[in-house]
N, C-alpha and C. Protein backbone atom coordinates (compact mmCIF):
# COMPACT_ATOMS: atom_id res chain seq x y z
N MET A 1 146.82 -146.75 -48.27
CA MET A 1 147.00 -145.31 -48.32
C MET A 1 145.63 -144.65 -48.42
N SER A 2 145.38 -143.65 -47.63
CA SER A 2 144.10 -142.97 -47.68
C SER A 2 144.20 -141.72 -48.56
N HIS A 3 143.04 -141.19 -48.93
CA HIS A 3 143.00 -140.01 -49.79
C HIS A 3 143.49 -138.77 -49.05
N LYS A 4 144.33 -138.00 -49.71
CA LYS A 4 144.88 -136.76 -49.14
C LYS A 4 143.89 -135.61 -49.29
N PHE A 5 143.13 -135.60 -50.39
CA PHE A 5 142.19 -134.52 -50.67
C PHE A 5 140.77 -134.97 -50.35
N LYS A 6 139.87 -134.00 -50.18
CA LYS A 6 138.49 -134.28 -49.78
C LYS A 6 137.51 -133.86 -50.87
N LEU A 7 136.31 -134.41 -50.82
CA LEU A 7 135.25 -134.00 -51.74
C LEU A 7 135.02 -132.50 -51.64
N GLY A 8 134.84 -131.86 -52.77
CA GLY A 8 134.58 -130.43 -52.79
C GLY A 8 135.83 -129.56 -52.73
N GLN A 9 136.97 -130.16 -52.44
CA GLN A 9 138.21 -129.38 -52.36
C GLN A 9 138.64 -128.94 -53.75
N ARG A 10 139.21 -127.75 -53.83
CA ARG A 10 139.68 -127.19 -55.10
C ARG A 10 141.16 -127.51 -55.27
N VAL A 11 141.50 -127.99 -56.47
CA VAL A 11 142.86 -128.41 -56.77
C VAL A 11 143.25 -127.95 -58.17
N ARG A 12 144.54 -128.01 -58.45
CA ARG A 12 145.07 -127.77 -59.79
C ARG A 12 145.79 -129.03 -60.24
N ARG A 13 145.87 -129.22 -61.55
CA ARG A 13 146.67 -130.33 -62.06
C ARG A 13 148.12 -129.93 -61.96
N ALA A 14 148.94 -130.82 -61.47
CA ALA A 14 150.38 -130.57 -61.38
C ALA A 14 150.96 -130.67 -62.78
N GLN A 15 151.94 -129.84 -63.08
CA GLN A 15 152.58 -129.90 -64.39
C GLN A 15 153.47 -131.13 -64.42
N ILE A 16 153.16 -132.03 -65.32
CA ILE A 16 153.92 -133.27 -65.45
C ILE A 16 154.55 -133.26 -66.84
N GLY A 17 155.83 -132.97 -66.88
CA GLY A 17 156.55 -132.93 -68.15
C GLY A 17 156.13 -131.74 -68.99
N TYR A 18 156.54 -131.75 -70.22
CA TYR A 18 156.25 -130.63 -71.11
C TYR A 18 154.96 -130.83 -71.89
N ALA A 19 154.34 -131.99 -71.77
CA ALA A 19 153.13 -132.30 -72.55
C ALA A 19 151.87 -131.63 -71.98
N ALA A 20 151.89 -131.23 -70.71
CA ALA A 20 150.71 -130.61 -70.11
C ALA A 20 150.53 -129.21 -70.69
N SER A 21 149.30 -128.92 -71.12
CA SER A 21 149.05 -127.59 -71.68
C SER A 21 148.95 -126.55 -70.58
N LYS A 22 149.27 -125.31 -70.90
CA LYS A 22 149.22 -124.24 -69.91
C LYS A 22 147.80 -124.06 -69.38
N ALA A 23 146.79 -124.15 -70.25
CA ALA A 23 145.40 -123.99 -69.82
C ALA A 23 145.02 -125.09 -68.84
N ASP A 24 145.43 -126.31 -69.11
CA ASP A 24 145.08 -127.44 -68.26
C ASP A 24 145.71 -127.30 -66.88
N VAL A 25 146.93 -126.82 -66.80
CA VAL A 25 147.64 -126.69 -65.53
C VAL A 25 147.09 -125.52 -64.72
N SER A 26 146.66 -124.45 -65.39
CA SER A 26 146.19 -123.27 -64.67
C SER A 26 144.74 -123.38 -64.21
N ASP A 27 143.97 -124.27 -64.80
CA ASP A 27 142.57 -124.44 -64.42
C ASP A 27 142.44 -124.95 -62.99
N VAL A 28 141.42 -124.46 -62.32
CA VAL A 28 141.11 -124.95 -60.98
C VAL A 28 139.98 -125.97 -61.12
N PHE A 29 140.17 -127.12 -60.50
CA PHE A 29 139.20 -128.21 -60.55
C PHE A 29 138.62 -128.44 -59.16
N GLU A 30 137.45 -129.04 -59.12
CA GLU A 30 136.84 -129.43 -57.85
C GLU A 30 136.79 -130.95 -57.80
N ILE A 31 137.12 -131.52 -56.66
CA ILE A 31 137.05 -132.97 -56.50
C ILE A 31 135.59 -133.36 -56.33
N VAL A 32 135.11 -134.23 -57.24
CA VAL A 32 133.70 -134.63 -57.21
C VAL A 32 133.51 -136.09 -56.78
N ARG A 33 134.60 -136.88 -56.77
CA ARG A 33 134.48 -138.27 -56.34
C ARG A 33 135.83 -138.80 -55.91
N LEU A 34 135.83 -139.56 -54.82
CA LEU A 34 137.04 -140.27 -54.38
C LEU A 34 136.96 -141.68 -54.96
N VAL A 35 137.99 -142.09 -55.67
CA VAL A 35 138.02 -143.39 -56.33
C VAL A 35 138.99 -144.29 -55.57
N PRO A 36 138.65 -145.57 -55.42
CA PRO A 36 139.56 -146.47 -54.69
C PRO A 36 140.96 -146.51 -55.32
N GLU A 37 141.90 -146.92 -54.52
CA GLU A 37 143.30 -147.04 -54.95
C GLU A 37 143.42 -148.07 -56.06
N ASP A 38 144.41 -147.89 -56.93
CA ASP A 38 144.69 -148.90 -57.94
C ASP A 38 145.67 -149.93 -57.37
N GLN A 39 146.17 -150.82 -58.20
CA GLN A 39 147.06 -151.87 -57.72
C GLN A 39 148.38 -151.34 -57.18
N THR A 40 148.75 -150.10 -57.53
CA THR A 40 149.98 -149.51 -57.00
C THR A 40 149.75 -148.90 -55.61
N GLY A 41 148.49 -148.79 -55.21
CA GLY A 41 148.18 -148.21 -53.91
C GLY A 41 147.95 -146.71 -53.93
N GLU A 42 148.00 -146.09 -55.12
CA GLU A 42 147.80 -144.64 -55.22
C GLU A 42 146.32 -144.32 -55.41
N PRO A 43 145.78 -143.44 -54.55
CA PRO A 43 144.36 -143.06 -54.68
C PRO A 43 144.09 -142.30 -55.98
N PHE A 44 142.88 -142.44 -56.48
CA PHE A 44 142.41 -141.72 -57.65
C PHE A 44 141.29 -140.77 -57.25
N TYR A 45 141.05 -139.79 -58.11
CA TYR A 45 139.98 -138.81 -57.90
C TYR A 45 139.30 -138.53 -59.22
N ARG A 46 138.03 -138.13 -59.16
CA ARG A 46 137.35 -137.54 -60.32
C ARG A 46 137.32 -136.05 -60.03
N ILE A 47 137.81 -135.26 -60.98
CA ILE A 47 137.84 -133.81 -60.81
C ILE A 47 137.05 -133.16 -61.94
N LYS A 48 136.49 -131.98 -61.66
CA LYS A 48 135.64 -131.31 -62.64
C LYS A 48 135.94 -129.82 -62.68
N SER A 49 135.94 -129.27 -63.90
CA SER A 49 136.06 -127.84 -64.12
C SER A 49 135.11 -127.50 -65.26
N GLY A 50 134.08 -126.70 -64.98
CA GLY A 50 133.07 -126.42 -66.00
C GLY A 50 132.37 -127.70 -66.38
N SER A 51 132.35 -128.02 -67.66
CA SER A 51 131.70 -129.26 -68.12
C SER A 51 132.71 -130.39 -68.32
N SER A 52 133.98 -130.12 -68.03
CA SER A 52 135.04 -131.11 -68.21
C SER A 52 135.28 -131.88 -66.92
N GLU A 53 135.21 -133.21 -67.00
CA GLU A 53 135.48 -134.07 -65.85
C GLU A 53 136.47 -135.13 -66.27
N ARG A 54 137.39 -135.47 -65.36
CA ARG A 54 138.40 -136.48 -65.67
C ARG A 54 138.84 -137.20 -64.41
N ALA A 55 139.51 -138.33 -64.61
CA ALA A 55 140.09 -139.10 -63.51
C ALA A 55 141.58 -138.79 -63.44
N VAL A 56 142.08 -138.59 -62.21
CA VAL A 56 143.51 -138.31 -62.02
C VAL A 56 144.01 -139.07 -60.79
N ARG A 57 145.31 -139.34 -60.80
CA ARG A 57 145.96 -139.92 -59.62
C ARG A 57 146.28 -138.81 -58.64
N GLU A 58 146.45 -139.16 -57.38
CA GLU A 58 146.75 -138.18 -56.35
C GLU A 58 148.03 -137.39 -56.67
N GLY A 59 149.01 -138.04 -57.24
CA GLY A 59 150.27 -137.38 -57.57
C GLY A 59 150.17 -136.39 -58.71
N GLU A 60 149.03 -136.36 -59.39
CA GLU A 60 148.84 -135.47 -60.55
C GLU A 60 148.17 -134.14 -60.16
N ILE A 61 147.78 -134.00 -58.91
CA ILE A 61 147.08 -132.77 -58.51
C ILE A 61 147.76 -132.15 -57.29
N THR A 62 147.56 -130.82 -57.16
CA THR A 62 148.11 -130.09 -56.02
C THR A 62 147.01 -129.22 -55.43
N GLU A 63 147.17 -128.86 -54.18
CA GLU A 63 146.21 -128.01 -53.48
C GLU A 63 146.28 -126.58 -54.03
N VAL A 64 145.13 -125.93 -54.09
CA VAL A 64 145.08 -124.52 -54.56
C VAL A 64 145.50 -123.62 -53.43
């Protein structure tokens, strides 16, 4: 499976269950690195907003 999103693209975190905070879901992030797929075959990304950077699976983010 190849990456759906590209470097520099702006994305939001998808709301997954009730545990996601409103601030986290509403923030816009920029994709800063494409990470290889894990053993399930799902691509990963490094995303950044301000000084906060994190790793997410493709299914956890949506296009802005």
